[in-house]
Amino acid sequence: MRELRVEDALQYLDQVKMEFGDRPHIYNEFLDIMKNFKSQQIDTPGVIRSVSNLFMGNKKLVLGFNTFLPEGYKIELPLDGNGPP
């Protein structure tokens, strides 16, 4: 697995913000999910579930989140690419 850089995270945040520019509550909910994950209020499967549900229908963002998951975890979409894993 390649080493993550701060730029990777910032670029992903920019993608989320641009995608949901007309719905800032989704971007803010994503930030809340990340805060809860960092403070260990939710675990890795919980953050996967939350992000997958929040970004449902946006294959690029859902699969892009894999970059930030620990080894052994991966979000996979159903064949139609729209539902949660």
C-alpha atoms as a PDB file:
ATOM      1  CA  MET A   1       0.000   0.000   0.000  1.00  0.00           C
ATOM      2  CA  ARG A   2       1.361   3.397  -0.913  1.00  0.00           C
ATOM      3  CA  GLU A   3       2.000   5.987   1.753  1.00  0.00           C
ATOM      4  CA  LEU A   4      -0.794   8.501   2.261  1.00  0.00           C
ATOM      5  CA  ARG A   5      -0.042  12.163   2.070  1.00  0.00           C
ATOM      6  CA  VAL A   6      -1.924  15.093   3.535  1.00  0.00           C
ATOM      7  CA  GLU A   7      -2.504  16.238  -0.042  1.00  0.00           C
ATOM      8  CA  ASP A   8      -4.436  13.009  -0.740  1.00  0.00           C
ATOM      9  CA  ALA A   9      -6.835  13.714   2.107  1.00  0.00           C
ATOM     10  CA  LEU A  10      -7.245  17.360   1.134  1.00  0.00           C
ATOM     11  CA  GLN A  11      -7.906  16.447  -2.476  1.00  0.00           C
ATOM     12  CA  TYR A  12     -10.557  13.928  -1.411  1.00  0.00           C
ATOM     13  CA  LEU A  13     -12.187  16.544   0.857  1.00  0.00           C
ATOM     14  CA  ASP A  14     -12.258  18.954  -2.086  1.00  0.00           C
ATOM     15  CA  GLN A  15     -13.946  16.286  -4.232  1.00  0.00           C
ATOM     16  CA  VAL A  16     -16.591  15.747  -1.555  1.00  0.00           C
ATOM     17  CA  LYS A  17     -17.137  19.490  -1.170  1.00  0.00           C
ATOM     18  CA  MET A  18     -17.449  20.029  -4.933  1.00  0.00           C
ATOM     19  CA  GLU A  19     -19.773  17.063  -5.405  1.00  0.00           C
ATOM     20  CA  PHE A  20     -22.138  18.211  -2.676  1.00  0.00           C
ATOM     21  CA  GLY A  21     -21.716  21.967  -3.041  1.00  0.00           C
ATOM     22  CA  ASP A  22     -25.471  22.342  -3.342  1.00  0.00           C
ATOM     23  CA  ARG A  23     -26.022  20.133  -0.270  1.00  0.00           C
ATOM     24  CA  PRO A  24     -23.520  21.300   2.384  1.00  0.00           C
ATOM     25  CA  HIS A  25     -25.227  19.188   5.042  1.00  0.00           C
ATOM     26  CA  ILE A  26     -23.786  16.068   3.351  1.00  0.00           C
ATOM     27  CA  TYR A  27     -20.256  17.473   3.457  1.00  0.00           C
ATOM     28  CA  ASN A  28     -20.742  18.430   7.115  1.00  0.00           C
ATOM     29  CA  GLU A  29     -22.098  14.974   7.935  1.00  0.00           C
ATOM     30  CA  PHE A  30     -19.007  13.464   6.316  1.00  0.00           C
ATOM     31  CA  LEU A  31     -16.810  15.632   8.538  1.00  0.00           C
ATOM     32  CA  ASP A  32     -18.805  14.481  11.583  1.00  0.00           C
ATOM     33  CA  ILE A  33     -18.311  10.833  10.581  1.00  0.00           C
ATOM     34  CA  MET A  34     -14.567  11.434  10.301  1.00  0.00           C
ATOM     35  CA  LYS A  35     -14.456  13.143  13.714  1.00  0.00           C
ATOM     36  CA  ASN A  36     -16.336  10.242  15.300  1.00  0.00           C
ATOM     37  CA  PHE A  37     -13.987   7.764  13.664  1.00  0.00           C
ATOM     38  CA  LYS A  38     -10.889   9.631  14.803  1.00  0.00           C
ATOM     39  CA  SER A  39     -12.197   9.804  18.370  1.00  0.00           C
ATOM     40  CA  GLN A  40     -12.971   6.065  18.161  1.00  0.00           C
ATOM     41  CA  GLN A  41     -16.698   6.552  18.660  1.00  0.00           C
ATOM     42  CA  ILE A  42     -17.169   4.388  15.564  1.00  0.00           C
ATOM     43  CA  ASP A  43     -14.927   1.595  14.295  1.00  0.00           C
ATOM     44  CA  THR A  44     -13.673   0.848  10.782  1.00  0.00           C
ATOM     45  CA  PRO A  45     -16.724  -1.222   9.727  1.00  0.00           C
ATOM     46  CA  GLY A  46     -18.908   1.582  11.104  1.00  0.00           C
ATOM     47  CA  VAL A  47     -17.103   4.275   9.122  1.00  0.00           C
ATOM     48  CA  ILE A  48     -17.337   2.125   5.979  1.00  0.00           C
ATOM     49  CA  ARG A  49     -21.078   1.706   6.483  1.00  0.00           C
ATOM     50  CA  SER A  50     -21.629   5.403   7.227  1.00  0.00           C
ATOM     51  CA  VAL A  51     -19.586   6.706   4.288  1.00  0.00           C
ATOM     52  CA  SER A  52     -21.105   4.151   1.885  1.00  0.00           C
ATOM     53  CA  ASN A  53     -24.624   5.162   2.905  1.00  0.00           C
ATOM     54  CA  LEU A  54     -23.872   8.889   2.853  1.00  0.00           C
ATOM     55  CA  PHE A  55     -22.323   8.745  -0.629  1.00  0.00           C
ATOM     56  CA  MET A  56     -24.709   6.113  -2.024  1.00  0.00           C
ATOM     57  CA  GLY A  57     -25.007   6.489  -5.769  1.00  0.00           C
ATOM     58  CA  ASN A  58     -21.630   8.226  -6.073  1.00  0.00           C
ATOM     59  CA  LYS A  59     -19.334   5.393  -7.070  1.00  0.00           C
ATOM     60  CA  LYS A  60     -16.252   7.610  -7.411  1.00  0.00           C
ATOM     61  CA  LEU A  61     -16.435   8.953  -3.850  1.00  0.00           C
ATOM     62  CA  VAL A  62     -17.384   5.624  -2.283  1.00  0.00           C
ATOM     63  CA  LEU A  63     -14.558   3.734  -3.954  1.00  0.00           C
ATOM     64  CA  GLY A  64     -12.162   6.656  -3.473  1.00  0.00           C
ATOM     65  CA  PHE A  65     -12.574   6.286   0.271  1.00  0.00           C
ATOM     66  CA  ASN A  66     -10.732   2.935   0.041  1.00  0.00           C
ATOM     67  CA  THR A  67      -7.500   4.924  -0.130  1.00  0.00           C
ATOM     68  CA  PHE A  68      -7.906   5.837   3.529  1.00  0.00           C
ATOM     69  CA  LEU A  69      -8.935   2.456   4.943  1.00  0.00           C
ATOM     70  CA  PRO A  70      -6.515   0.288   6.906  1.00  0.00           C
ATOM     71  CA  GLU A  71      -5.110  -2.824   5.310  1.00  0.00           C
ATOM     72  CA  GLY A  72      -7.633  -5.645   5.245  1.00  0.00           C
ATOM     73  CA  TYR A  73     -10.620  -3.350   4.695  1.00  0.00           C
ATOM     74  CA  LYS A  74     -12.135  -2.437   1.350  1.00  0.00           C
ATOM     75  CA  ILE A  75     -15.430  -1.049   0.149  1.00  0.00           C
ATOM     76  CA  GLU A  76     -16.859  -3.022  -2.732  1.00  0.00           C
ATOM     77  CA  LEU A  77     -20.012  -2.032  -4.552  1.00  0.00           C
ATOM     78  CA  PRO A  78     -22.678  -4.338  -5.931  1.00  0.00           C
ATOM     79  CA  LEU A  79     -22.563  -4.834  -9.681  1.00  0.00           C
ATOM     80  CA  ASP A  80     -25.021  -2.000 -10.313  1.00  0.00           C
ATOM     81  CA  GLY A  81     -22.680   0.274  -8.332  1.00  0.00           C
ATOM     82  CA  ASN A  82     -25.437   2.099  -6.522  1.00  0.00           C
ATOM     83  CA  GLY A  83     -26.149   0.403  -3.223  1.00  0.00           C
ATOM     84  CA  PRO A  84     -24.186   0.069  -0.019  1.00  0.00           C
ATOM     85  CA  PRO A  85     -21.729  -2.826   0.166  1.00  0.00           C
END
